[in-house]
Amino acid sequence: MRFNGARILLECIREQGVDTIFGYPGGAVINIYDELYKQRNVLRHIRTSHEQGAVYAADGYARATGKVGVCLATSGPGATNLVTGIATAFMDSIPIVAITGNVPLSLLGKDSFQEVDIMGITMPITKHNFIVKDISNLADTVRSAFEIAKSGRPGPVLINIPKDITAHITEYKRITHKDRKVKDIPISPDSIAQAADLINMSKRPFIYAGGGVGCSGAADELVEFAEMLDAPTGCSLMGLGCFPGTHRLFTGMIGMHGTMASNLTATNCDLLIAVGARFSDRVVSNVKRFAPNAKIVQIDIDPTEISKNIEIDCHIMGDVKKVLSQLNSHVKRVIREEWVDQVIGWKQQYPLKYKRDGGLKPQYIMEKIYELTKGEAIITTEVGQNQIWAAQYYKYTRPRTYISSGGLGTMGYGLGASIGAQVGMPHKRVINIAGDGSFLMNCNELATVVENNLPIIVVVLNNHALGMVYQWQDMFYGSRYSCTQLNSPVNFVKLADAFCAVGLTITKEEEVESVLSRALELDGPVVINCEISRDEKVFPMVPPGEPIANTILGE
């Protein structure tokens, strides 16, 4: 069969099991869009309002489904509008394939209209990037891109295709199975034995689980591992949902905004087992005083993460699911009653709490969302206080139900991500938790939500401030609120109405349950404006540079 490059691209994408592409048309990709029109009955395309929304949607789709997300943009500004989203996926190890157009081969390197070196721009923030200069290489390039994106430590891959390549014609042969076997990283028996010895000798183990648990689909193995060891288990922000938030051994999130129980457990344990986690600065804070009494075992698929941020005593390289499966057959099942009782005591002594003073509390809103959805929703978030309240006060019991920009901290991410999550998981309820600052960055994607009749609920925790930076200015910068007070008179209910979504408002605690219940009953897009206090803060909080045991619990 002889096809043009545009059709070969889409045929290869369909080979990978892809059913949805998020994108935005342009001149350099017009041939691809012509082919998308022809394949509209077999390949869904979601046109977002902005290319940034497309890459966030591809990211949210990947996080919610475990599949590779795909986005498409034209050359020049279309390609550069993907950059923040590609970096977001790179920091959080999310498998996406970003496809960008380019000027024809004869115009490359001549500062042609809408030309940019997207290869050079994205090299530091992709697992790999390709430019296709020969039509005969296109099919293999697409197949390689998907394999790279999802193998090993997942991440984004970019394919840059000059316009004339999409028009050239060559022979195409469909592949229904992989010619190349996925490379399996061998797990060292010696490292398994060494880690098992440390675990079996431990009196006070603590498991610190990260996003790698979700990437590898290892949630069940993690629970079995923790129960074998009778080991308290905490999660990073990216690890939420990988260990049930209702489990007796769960201590909560660890780090800057983690629970006191998790931070004290990490500080007092004699063995810390990091599972698919990278010891980020938001977890560790003061490196010299992190887990000072503990031997450290690190399990990770990426060799560059071993001892990168923290010196460790033992490491196991490999896929987390396979490593835990092997460890579970090497460690002894024990009961550590004294240690677990001590940790449970910390949980009871230092619970997450907030002051009920008659005002509308964001923490209460999150608790009610959990109660009314019975913990079955997918929660996406923007970045800032809204992100942390959503992490703290909704109990995540399954992987891929908390979707947030962890490593890059990308404001404006959540609404696009909720689109991808809802498209990928149409039978789940998707709720985006936003701050007013983040929501204003990409609220144009409400047009995408409405056009596709996606039943997404956007809960805007509206404190008329850039809340997290405002909190820092209040606590550490002498209350000098430089450019963080949002005094714009934007009416989010009228904004929702303008986009033909339903707009609702909550101003007091008594309205929370009834308004949320109404939103959940509606089968369409809803924006809920929640008027909360600008002075409401996120606690617990570890001051910058302090050891994580020095946690501020509240005002």
Protein backbone atom coordinates (compact mmCIF):
# COMPACT_ATOMS: atom_id res chain seq x y z
CA MET A 1 0.00 0.00 0.00
CA ARG A 2 1.30 3.44 -0.94
CA PHE A 3 0.17 6.31 1.28
CA ASN A 4 1.22 9.88 1.89
CA GLY A 5 3.03 10.82 5.07
CA ALA A 6 -0.08 12.18 6.78
CA ARG A 7 -1.90 8.88 6.39
CA ILE A 8 1.15 6.84 7.39
CA LEU A 9 1.42 8.95 10.57
CA LEU A 10 -2.20 8.27 11.53
CA GLU A 11 -2.03 4.59 10.56
CA CYS A 12 1.01 4.14 12.80
CA ILE A 13 -0.71 5.98 15.63
CA ARG A 14 -3.69 3.65 15.30
CA GLU A 15 -1.29 0.66 15.36
CA GLN A 16 -0.43 1.75 18.90
CA GLY A 17 -4.06 1.51 20.01
CA VAL A 18 -4.54 5.28 20.12
CA ASP A 19 -8.16 6.38 19.75
CA THR A 20 -7.89 10.09 20.59
CA ILE A 21 -5.63 12.97 19.60
CA PHE A 22 -5.73 16.41 21.22
CA GLY A 23 -4.60 19.26 19.03
CA TYR A 24 -4.99 22.51 17.16
CA PRO A 25 -4.80 22.97 13.37
CA GLY A 26 -2.30 25.08 11.44
CA GLY A 27 -0.69 25.43 8.06
CA ALA A 28 2.26 23.10 8.65
CA VAL A 29 -0.06 20.27 9.72
CA ILE A 30 -2.88 20.88 7.28
CA ASN A 31 -2.18 17.62 5.43
CA ILE A 32 -2.47 15.73 8.72
CA TYR A 33 -5.76 17.45 9.48
CA ASP A 34 -7.03 16.57 6.02
CA GLU A 35 -6.30 12.93 6.81
CA LEU A 36 -7.91 13.28 10.24
CA TYR A 37 -11.07 14.39 8.48
CA LYS A 38 -11.00 11.24 6.38
CA GLN A 39 -10.42 9.07 9.48
CA ARG A 40 -12.84 10.94 11.73
CA ASN A 41 -14.94 7.80 12.25
CA VAL A 42 -12.03 5.75 13.61
CA LEU A 43 -9.78 8.36 15.25
CA ARG A 44 -11.22 11.02 17.54
CA HIS A 45 -9.72 14.48 17.51
CA ILE A 46 -10.39 16.96 20.32
CA ARG A 47 -9.62 20.51 19.22
CA THR A 48 -8.69 22.50 22.28
CA SER A 49 -8.80 26.28 22.58
CA HIS A 50 -5.02 26.56 22.80
CA GLU A 51 -2.12 24.21 22.08
CA GLN A 52 -1.20 24.33 25.76
CA GLY A 53 -4.62 22.88 26.54
CA ALA A 54 -3.93 20.08 24.06
CA VAL A 55 -0.71 18.96 25.69
CA TYR A 56 -2.24 19.19 29.19
CA ALA A 57 -5.16 17.09 27.95
CA ALA A 58 -2.79 14.48 26.49
CA ASP A 59 -0.99 14.43 29.84
CA GLY A 60 -4.23 14.06 31.83
CA TYR A 61 -5.38 11.31 29.47
CA ALA A 62 -2.11 9.42 30.03
CA ARG A 63 -2.26 9.79 33.82
CA ALA A 64 -5.88 8.67 34.05
CA THR A 65 -5.67 5.72 31.64
CA GLY A 66 -2.06 4.53 31.78
CA LYS A 67 -1.90 4.82 27.97
CA VAL A 68 0.28 7.13 25.89
CA GLY A 69 -1.33 10.55 25.37
CA VAL A 70 -1.00 12.19 21.95
CA CYS A 71 -1.11 15.87 21.01
CA LEU A 72 -0.67 17.64 17.69
CA ALA A 73 0.33 21.23 16.90
CA THR A 74 1.56 23.24 13.97
CA SER A 75 5.06 24.70 13.58
CA GLY A 76 6.47 27.82 15.24
CA PRO A 77 4.14 29.22 17.91
CA GLY A 78 2.01 26.09 17.84
CA ALA A 79 5.04 24.00 18.73
CA THR A 80 6.35 26.41 21.36
CA ASN A 81 2.93 26.51 23.01
CA LEU A 82 3.46 22.82 23.84
CA VAL A 83 6.73 23.39 25.67
CA THR A 84 5.41 23.94 29.21
CA GLY A 85 3.19 20.87 28.92
CA ILE A 86 6.05 18.75 27.62
CA ALA A 87 8.19 19.88 30.56
CA THR A 88 5.32 19.08 32.93
CA ALA A 89 5.14 15.52 31.57
CA PHE A 90 8.92 15.16 31.69
CA MET A 91 9.15 16.14 35.35
CA ASP A 92 6.39 13.71 36.35
CA SER A 93 7.41 10.82 34.03
CA ILE A 94 4.22 10.88 31.95
CA PRO A 95 4.20 9.09 28.55
CA ILE A 96 3.05 11.45 25.81
CA VAL A 97 3.93 11.76 22.13
CA ALA A 98 3.85 15.35 20.90
CA ILE A 99 3.68 15.76 17.11
CA THR A 100 4.62 19.11 15.60
CA GLY A 101 4.65 20.32 12.04
CA ASN A 102 7.49 22.24 10.46
CA VAL A 103 8.22 24.21 7.32
CA PRO A 104 9.15 22.22 4.19
CA LEU A 105 12.64 20.72 4.05
CA SER A 106 13.86 23.34 1.57
CA LEU A 107 12.99 26.15 4.01
CA LEU A 108 14.53 24.67 7.17
CA GLY A 109 17.11 26.91 8.82
CA LYS A 110 16.13 30.03 6.85
CA ASP A 111 13.99 31.77 9.46
CA SER A 112 10.96 30.90 7.39
CA PHE A 113 7.43 31.89 8.39
CA GLN A 114 6.45 30.03 11.59
CA GLU A 115 9.77 28.21 11.78
CA VAL A 116 11.40 27.48 15.12
CA ASP A 117 14.04 25.01 16.31
CA ILE A 118 11.64 22.95 18.40
CA MET A 119 14.22 20.16 18.50
CA GLY A 120 16.75 22.33 20.29
CA ILE A 121 14.10 23.83 22.54
CA THR A 122 12.71 20.49 23.73
CA MET A 123 15.91 18.45 23.89
CA PRO A 124 16.33 18.92 27.68
CA ILE A 125 12.66 18.14 28.43
CA THR A 126 12.02 15.02 26.34
CA LYS A 127 13.19 11.44 26.60
CA HIS A 128 13.96 11.74 22.90
CA ASN A 129 12.96 13.91 19.98
CA PHE A 130 12.95 13.22 16.26
CA ILE A 131 12.81 15.21 13.04
CA VAL A 132 11.68 13.21 10.02
CA LYS A 133 13.53 14.29 6.86
CA ASP A 134 12.84 11.17 4.80
CA ILE A 135 9.34 9.78 4.26
CA SER A 136 10.74 6.24 4.32
CA ASN A 137 11.71 6.73 8.00
CA LEU A 138 8.36 8.06 9.17
CA ALA A 139 6.65 4.80 10.18
CA ASP A 140 9.63 3.47 12.14
CA THR A 141 10.07 6.85 13.83
CA VAL A 142 6.47 6.90 15.05
CA ARG A 143 6.73 3.34 16.35
CA SER A 144 10.01 4.12 18.11
CA ALA A 145 8.53 7.25 19.68
CA PHE A 146 5.72 5.30 21.33
CA GLU A 147 8.08 2.58 22.52
CA ILE A 148 10.43 5.14 24.07
CA ALA A 149 7.59 7.09 25.69
CA LYS A 150 6.19 4.10 27.56
CA SER A 151 9.27 1.94 28.23
CA GLY A 152 11.50 2.14 31.28
CA ARG A 153 10.83 5.39 33.09
CA PRO A 154 8.01 6.88 30.99
CA GLY A 155 8.19 10.36 29.55
CA PRO A 156 7.43 12.65 26.62
CA VAL A 157 8.75 12.16 23.09
CA LEU A 158 8.47 14.73 20.29
CA ILE A 159 8.18 14.03 16.56
CA ASN A 160 8.79 17.02 14.27
CA ILE A 161 7.55 16.54 10.70
CA PRO A 162 8.23 19.02 7.86
CA LYS A 163 5.12 19.80 5.82
CA ASP A 164 6.34 18.24 2.58
CA ILE A 165 7.03 14.92 4.36
CA THR A 166 3.30 14.69 5.15
CA ALA A 167 2.57 15.01 1.42
CA HIS A 168 5.26 12.65 0.07
CA ILE A 169 4.14 9.12 -0.83
CA THR A 170 5.84 5.84 0.03
CA GLU A 171 5.10 2.19 0.72
CA TYR A 172 3.43 1.42 4.03
CA LYS A 173 3.11 -1.97 5.69
CA ARG A 174 0.83 -2.23 8.70
CA ILE A 175 2.29 -3.93 11.76
CA THR A 176 -0.17 -5.61 14.11
CA HIS A 177 2.44 -6.77 16.61
CA LYS A 178 5.80 -5.50 17.81
CA ASP A 179 8.79 -6.76 15.85
CA ARG A 180 11.04 -5.79 18.74
CA LYS A 181 10.58 -7.17 22.21
CA VAL A 182 10.37 -4.65 25.01
CA LYS A 183 13.69 -4.58 26.79
CA ASP A 184 13.38 -6.08 30.25
CA ILE A 185 15.72 -4.59 32.82
CA PRO A 186 17.25 -7.51 34.76
CA ILE A 187 16.93 -7.27 38.53
CA SER A 188 20.06 -8.11 40.45
CA PRO A 189 19.53 -11.06 42.82
CA ASP A 190 22.30 -9.69 45.03
CA SER A 191 20.52 -6.36 45.43
CA ILE A 192 17.27 -8.15 46.29
CA ALA A 193 19.10 -10.22 48.90
CA GLN A 194 20.89 -7.19 50.36
CA ALA A 195 17.65 -5.19 50.62
CA ALA A 196 15.79 -8.17 52.11
CA ASP A 197 18.49 -8.52 54.80
CA LEU A 198 18.17 -4.84 55.74
CA ILE A 199 14.39 -5.13 55.82
CA ASN A 200 14.38 -8.29 57.92
CA MET A 201 16.79 -6.73 60.45
CA SER A 202 14.78 -3.53 60.72
CA LYS A 203 12.77 -2.71 63.83
CA ARG A 204 11.21 0.55 62.60
CA PRO A 205 10.77 0.50 58.79
CA PHE A 206 8.99 3.22 56.84
CA ILE A 207 7.92 3.02 53.20
CA TYR A 208 8.06 6.23 51.16
CA ALA A 209 6.10 5.64 47.94
CA GLY A 210 6.25 7.86 44.88
CA GLY A 211 4.79 8.20 41.43
CA GLY A 212 6.81 5.27 40.11
CA VAL A 213 4.42 2.92 41.91
CA GLY A 214 1.56 4.18 39.76
CA CYS A 215 3.64 4.19 36.57
CA SER A 216 4.44 0.50 36.99
CA GLY A 217 0.96 -0.54 38.15
CA ALA A 218 2.41 -1.78 41.42
CA ALA A 219 -0.26 -0.62 43.88
CA ASP A 220 -1.34 -4.14 44.87
CA GLU A 221 2.26 -5.28 45.32
CA LEU A 222 2.94 -2.22 47.49
CA VAL A 223 0.04 -3.02 49.80
CA GLU A 224 1.21 -6.63 50.08
CA PHE A 225 4.76 -5.41 50.79
CA ALA A 226 3.63 -3.00 53.52
CA GLU A 227 1.43 -5.62 55.15
CA MET A 228 4.23 -8.23 55.05
CA LEU A 229 6.53 -5.78 56.82
CA ASP A 230 3.80 -4.24 59.01
CA ALA A 231 5.43 -1.00 57.87
CA PRO A 232 3.88 2.47 58.05
CA THR A 233 3.63 3.91 54.56
CA GLY A 234 3.57 7.50 53.34
CA CYS A 235 3.39 8.96 49.86
CA SER A 236 4.79 11.84 47.92
CA LEU A 237 2.33 14.12 46.16
CA MET A 238 2.79 12.04 42.99
CA GLY A 239 2.29 8.82 44.93
CA LEU A 240 -1.19 9.63 46.24
CA GLY A 241 -3.62 6.84 45.46
CA CYS A 242 -0.88 4.23 45.10
CA PHE A 243 -1.51 3.19 48.70
CA PRO A 244 -5.08 3.36 50.05
CA GLY A 245 -5.67 6.54 52.03
CA THR A 246 -7.99 4.56 54.32
CA HIS A 247 -5.45 1.83 55.18
CA ARG A 248 -4.40 1.55 58.83
CA LEU A 249 -0.72 1.73 57.85
CA PHE A 250 -1.11 4.89 55.76
CA THR A 251 0.50 7.92 57.36
CA GLY A 252 -0.39 10.48 54.70
CA MET A 253 1.70 12.67 52.49
CA ILE A 254 5.33 13.30 53.44
CA GLY A 255 7.35 16.50 53.19
CA MET A 256 6.72 20.23 53.09
CA HIS A 257 2.93 19.90 53.33
CA GLY A 258 2.89 16.35 54.60
CA THR A 259 1.36 15.11 57.80
CA MET A 260 3.21 15.34 61.08
CA ALA A 261 2.82 11.56 61.37
CA SER A 262 4.65 10.93 58.08
CA ASN A 263 7.38 13.42 58.86
CA LEU A 264 7.96 12.06 62.38
CA THR A 265 7.91 8.48 61.09
CA ALA A 266 10.56 9.28 58.47
CA THR A 267 12.66 11.05 61.09
CA ASN A 268 12.49 8.21 63.63
CA CYS A 269 12.57 5.13 61.42
CA ASP A 270 15.65 2.89 61.27
CA LEU A 271 15.02 1.89 57.65
CA LEU A 272 13.49 4.06 54.95
CA ILE A 273 12.41 2.25 51.78
CA ALA A 274 11.88 4.63 48.84
CA VAL A 275 9.71 2.96 46.22
CA GLY A 276 9.54 4.74 42.86
CA ALA A 277 10.34 8.07 44.49
CA ARG A 278 13.07 10.61 43.78
CA PHE A 279 13.64 12.41 47.10
CA SER A 280 12.56 15.80 45.76
CA ASP A 281 13.36 18.94 47.71
CA ARG A 282 9.67 19.26 48.66
CA VAL A 283 9.91 15.89 50.42
CA VAL A 284 13.41 16.07 51.89
CA SER A 285 13.81 19.78 52.74
CA ASN A 286 17.01 19.66 54.83
CA VAL A 287 19.15 16.93 53.24
CA LYS A 288 21.54 16.54 56.17
CA ARG A 289 18.72 15.97 58.64
CA PHE A 290 16.42 13.77 56.55
CA ALA A 291 15.85 10.31 58.05
CA PRO A 292 18.94 10.78 60.24
CA ASN A 293 18.65 7.42 62.02
CA ALA A 294 17.88 5.29 59.01
CA LYS A 295 19.49 3.07 56.47
CA ILE A 296 17.97 3.90 53.09
CA VAL A 297 16.89 1.47 50.37
CA GLN A 298 15.95 2.94 47.00
CA ILE A 299 13.93 1.07 44.37
CA ASP A 300 13.83 2.78 40.98
CA ILE A 301 13.94 2.00 37.27
CA ASP A 302 16.06 5.05 36.44
CA PRO A 303 19.78 4.73 37.32
CA THR A 304 20.21 8.52 37.31
CA GLU A 305 17.95 8.79 40.38
CA ILE A 306 20.07 6.53 42.57
CA SER A 307 21.75 8.68 45.25
CA LYS A 308 21.05 11.80 43.17
CA ASN A 309 19.48 13.78 46.01
CA ILE A 310 20.13 11.56 49.05
CA GLU A 311 22.97 9.13 49.70
CA ILE A 312 21.47 5.68 50.00
CA ASP A 313 22.75 2.39 51.46
CA CYS A 314 21.21 -0.09 49.05
CA HIS A 315 19.45 0.16 45.72
CA ILE A 316 17.47 -2.13 43.47
CA MET A 317 17.28 -1.19 39.82
CA GLY A 318 14.19 -2.32 37.95
CA ASP A 319 10.47 -2.01 37.38
CA VAL A 320 8.81 -1.38 40.73
CA LYS A 321 6.10 -3.99 40.20
CA LYS A 322 8.63 -6.71 39.42
CA VAL A 323 10.99 -5.66 42.21
CA LEU A 324 8.24 -5.71 44.84
CA SER A 325 7.02 -9.08 43.58
CA GLN A 326 10.48 -10.51 44.16
CA LEU A 327 10.99 -8.76 47.50
CA ASN A 328 7.67 -10.06 48.76
CA SER A 329 8.99 -13.60 48.42
CA HIS A 330 12.24 -12.77 50.26
CA VAL A 331 11.11 -10.75 53.28
CA LYS A 332 9.68 -12.19 56.45
CA ARG A 333 6.11 -11.51 57.50
CA VAL A 334 6.32 -9.83 60.89
CA ILE A 335 4.18 -7.87 63.32
CA ARG A 336 5.77 -4.67 64.58
CA GLU A 337 3.15 -3.80 67.16
CA GLU A 338 5.20 -1.33 69.19
CA TRP A 339 6.39 0.66 66.15
CA VAL A 340 2.99 0.72 64.47
CA ASP A 341 1.29 1.75 67.73
CA GLN A 342 3.73 4.63 68.06
CA VAL A 343 2.98 5.80 64.53
CA ILE A 344 -0.78 5.46 65.05
CA GLY A 345 -0.30 7.53 68.19
CA TRP A 346 1.30 10.30 66.12
CA LYS A 347 -1.61 10.12 63.66
CA GLN A 348 -4.05 10.57 66.53
CA GLN A 349 -2.00 13.29 68.22
CA TYR A 350 -1.38 15.30 65.06
CA PRO A 351 -4.34 14.80 62.71
CA LEU A 352 -4.98 17.05 59.75
CA LYS A 353 -7.31 19.68 61.12
CA TYR A 354 -8.65 23.15 60.49
CA LYS A 355 -10.60 25.71 62.48
CA ARG A 356 -14.36 25.70 61.95
CA ASP A 357 -15.10 29.36 62.67
CA GLY A 358 -18.27 29.83 60.66
CA GLY A 359 -16.56 30.79 57.42
CA LEU A 360 -16.40 28.79 54.21
CA LYS A 361 -13.42 26.44 54.49
CA PRO A 362 -11.68 24.85 51.50
CA GLN A 363 -10.81 21.83 53.61
CA TYR A 364 -14.50 21.29 54.36
CA ILE A 365 -15.33 21.55 50.67
CA MET A 366 -12.79 18.82 49.87
CA GLU A 367 -14.15 16.59 52.63
CA LYS A 368 -17.67 17.02 51.25
CA ILE A 369 -16.53 16.24 47.70
CA TYR A 370 -14.99 13.01 49.02
CA GLU A 371 -18.15 12.16 50.95
CA LEU A 372 -20.54 12.86 48.07
CA THR A 373 -18.46 11.05 45.44
CA LYS A 374 -17.71 8.19 47.87
CA GLY A 375 -14.06 8.57 46.86
CA GLU A 376 -14.84 7.39 43.32
CA ALA A 377 -14.03 10.59 41.42
CA ILE A 378 -10.91 11.51 39.51
CA ILE A 379 -9.54 14.71 41.02
CA THR A 380 -7.41 16.99 38.87
CA THR A 381 -5.89 20.12 40.32
CA GLU A 382 -4.26 23.35 39.44
CA VAL A 383 -1.17 24.36 41.45
CA GLY A 384 -0.90 26.10 44.79
CA GLN A 385 -3.05 25.95 47.89
CA ASN A 386 -5.90 24.31 45.97
CA GLN A 387 -3.55 21.48 44.98
CA ILE A 388 -2.48 20.78 48.56
CA TRP A 389 -5.95 20.98 50.09
CA ALA A 390 -7.07 18.47 47.45
CA ALA A 391 -4.12 16.24 48.35
CA GLN A 392 -4.74 16.43 52.08
CA TYR A 393 -8.51 16.23 52.52
CA TYR A 394 -9.66 13.78 49.85
CA LYS A 395 -8.82 10.14 50.57
CA TYR A 396 -7.36 8.52 47.45
CA THR A 397 -7.74 4.75 47.47
CA ARG A 398 -6.79 3.90 43.87
CA PRO A 399 -3.96 4.92 41.55
CA ARG A 400 -4.58 7.45 38.77
CA THR A 401 -7.28 9.30 40.68
CA TYR A 402 -5.19 12.28 41.82
CA ILE A 403 -3.86 14.13 38.76
CA SER A 404 -1.65 17.13 39.39
CA SER A 405 1.53 18.78 38.18
CA GLY A 406 3.97 17.70 40.88
CA GLY A 407 7.50 18.34 39.68
CA LEU A 408 7.06 21.45 37.53
CA GLY A 409 4.18 22.98 39.49
CA THR A 410 2.35 24.22 36.41
CA MET A 411 -0.44 26.73 37.04
CA GLY A 412 -3.20 26.44 34.44
CA TYR A 413 -2.63 22.70 34.09
CA GLY A 414 -5.73 21.31 35.76
CA LEU A 415 -8.55 22.19 33.36
CA GLY A 416 -6.74 20.80 30.33
CA ALA A 417 -5.78 17.69 32.32
CA SER A 418 -9.41 17.21 33.38
CA ILE A 419 -10.41 17.20 29.70
CA GLY A 420 -7.95 14.39 28.96
CA ALA A 421 -8.96 12.46 32.06
CA GLN A 422 -12.67 12.73 31.24
CA VAL A 423 -12.16 11.72 27.59
CA GLY A 424 -10.02 8.77 28.67
CA MET A 425 -12.32 7.70 31.50
CA PRO A 426 -15.82 8.69 30.33
CA HIS A 427 -17.60 6.64 33.02
CA LYS A 428 -15.81 8.38 35.90
CA ARG A 429 -16.71 11.75 37.39
CA VAL A 430 -13.87 14.23 36.93
CA ILE A 431 -13.58 17.23 39.24
CA ASN A 432 -10.97 19.94 38.75
CA ILE A 433 -9.94 21.77 41.91
CA ALA A 434 -8.69 25.25 41.02
CA GLY A 435 -7.53 28.47 42.55
CA ASP A 436 -8.78 31.65 40.94
CA GLY A 437 -5.26 32.55 39.75
CA SER A 438 -4.67 29.21 38.05
CA PHE A 439 -8.18 29.09 36.60
CA LEU A 440 -7.75 32.47 34.92
CA MET A 441 -4.67 31.19 33.10
CA ASN A 442 -6.52 28.65 30.95
CA CYS A 443 -10.24 29.19 31.54
CA ASN A 444 -10.56 29.41 27.74
CA GLU A 445 -10.59 25.60 27.77
CA LEU A 446 -14.15 25.82 29.10
CA ALA A 447 -15.02 26.21 25.41
CA THR A 448 -13.50 22.76 24.78
CA VAL A 449 -15.36 21.27 27.73
CA VAL A 450 -18.70 22.66 26.58
CA GLU A 451 -18.22 21.87 22.88
CA ASN A 452 -17.57 18.23 23.76
CA ASN A 453 -20.24 18.17 26.49
CA LEU A 454 -17.82 16.81 29.07
CA PRO A 455 -19.44 16.59 32.54
CA ILE A 456 -16.46 18.14 34.28
CA ILE A 457 -17.01 20.07 37.50
CA VAL A 458 -14.59 22.93 38.14
CA VAL A 459 -14.45 23.94 41.80
CA VAL A 460 -12.79 27.36 42.03
CA LEU A 461 -11.47 28.01 45.54
CA ASN A 462 -11.66 31.76 45.05
CA ASN A 463 -9.63 33.66 47.63
CA HIS A 464 -8.89 36.60 45.33
CA ALA A 465 -5.18 35.94 45.68
CA LEU A 466 -2.30 33.91 44.37
CA GLY A 467 -2.80 31.92 47.52
CA MET A 468 0.42 30.00 48.05
CA VAL A 469 2.72 32.91 47.23
CA TYR A 470 0.48 35.18 49.32
CA GLN A 471 0.88 32.73 52.23
CA TRP A 472 4.67 32.82 51.88
CA GLN A 473 4.66 36.60 51.76
CA ASP A 474 2.54 36.67 54.90
CA MET A 475 4.69 34.16 56.83
CA PHE A 476 8.22 34.91 55.62
CA TYR A 477 8.22 38.31 53.89
CA GLY A 478 6.75 40.63 56.48
CA SER A 479 3.26 40.64 54.91
CA ARG A 480 4.53 42.50 51.85
CA TYR A 481 1.94 41.30 49.37
CA SER A 482 3.70 42.11 46.14
CA CYS A 483 1.34 41.49 43.18
CA THR A 484 -0.47 38.56 44.80
CA GLN A 485 -3.79 40.19 45.64
CA LEU A 486 -6.22 39.57 42.79
CA ASN A 487 -8.69 42.41 42.89
CA SER A 488 -10.15 41.73 39.46
CA PRO A 489 -13.97 41.92 39.42
CA VAL A 490 -14.25 38.84 37.20
CA ASN A 491 -17.50 37.01 37.90
CA PHE A 492 -16.85 33.28 37.43
CA VAL A 493 -20.56 32.41 37.36
CA LYS A 494 -21.16 34.86 34.50
CA LEU A 495 -18.00 33.56 32.83
CA ALA A 496 -19.37 30.03 32.97
CA ASP A 497 -22.66 31.28 31.56
CA ALA A 498 -20.82 33.01 28.70
CA PHE A 499 -19.22 29.67 27.80
CA CYS A 500 -22.66 27.99 28.05
CA ALA A 501 -21.70 26.04 31.17
CA VAL A 502 -23.63 26.06 34.43
CA GLY A 503 -22.28 28.51 36.99
CA LEU A 504 -22.96 28.11 40.71
CA THR A 505 -21.74 29.92 43.82
CA ILE A 506 -20.98 28.85 47.38
CA THR A 507 -20.48 31.59 49.97
CA LYS A 508 -21.09 29.75 53.24
CA GLU A 509 -20.69 26.30 54.73
CA GLU A 510 -24.43 25.60 54.78
CA GLU A 511 -24.53 25.76 50.97
CA VAL A 512 -21.71 23.31 50.28
CA GLU A 513 -23.58 20.02 50.28
CA SER A 514 -26.61 21.21 48.33
CA VAL A 515 -24.59 22.98 45.62
CA LEU A 516 -22.15 20.09 45.21
CA SER A 517 -25.03 17.62 45.07
CA ARG A 518 -26.74 19.67 42.36
CA ALA A 519 -23.52 19.85 40.34
CA LEU A 520 -23.04 16.09 40.59
CA GLU A 521 -26.61 15.51 39.38
CA LEU A 522 -26.09 17.61 36.25
CA ASP A 523 -24.82 15.81 33.18
CA GLY A 524 -22.71 18.62 31.80
CA PRO A 525 -20.00 21.19 32.55
CA VAL A 526 -20.29 23.08 35.83
CA VAL A 527 -18.19 25.85 37.39
CA ILE A 528 -18.62 26.39 41.13
CA ASN A 529 -17.28 29.65 42.53
CA CYS A 530 -16.38 29.15 46.21
CA GLU A 531 -15.75 32.41 48.04
CA ILE A 532 -13.10 31.57 50.66
CA SER A 533 -10.94 33.80 52.82
CA ARG A 534 -7.70 35.18 51.44
CA ASP A 535 -6.10 34.48 54.81
CA GLU A 536 -6.84 30.74 54.83
CA LYS A 537 -3.49 28.94 54.88
CA VAL A 538 -2.18 25.50 54.00
CA PHE A 539 -0.97 23.60 57.04
CA PRO A 540 1.01 21.58 57.98
CA MET A 541 4.01 23.35 56.48
CA VAL A 542 7.75 22.87 56.84
CA PRO A 543 9.61 26.20 56.65
CA PRO A 544 12.20 26.30 53.86
CA GLY A 545 15.50 24.65 54.83
CA GLU A 546 14.17 23.13 58.05
CA PRO A 547 14.13 19.37 58.75
CA ILE A 548 10.73 17.89 58.06
CA ALA A 549 10.13 17.13 61.75
CA ASN A 550 10.03 20.91 62.35
CA THR A 551 6.53 21.15 60.95
CA ILE A 552 4.27 24.15 61.54
CA LEU A 553 0.88 22.66 62.37
CA GLY A 554 -1.17 25.85 62.27
CA GLU A 555 -1.34 29.44 63.28
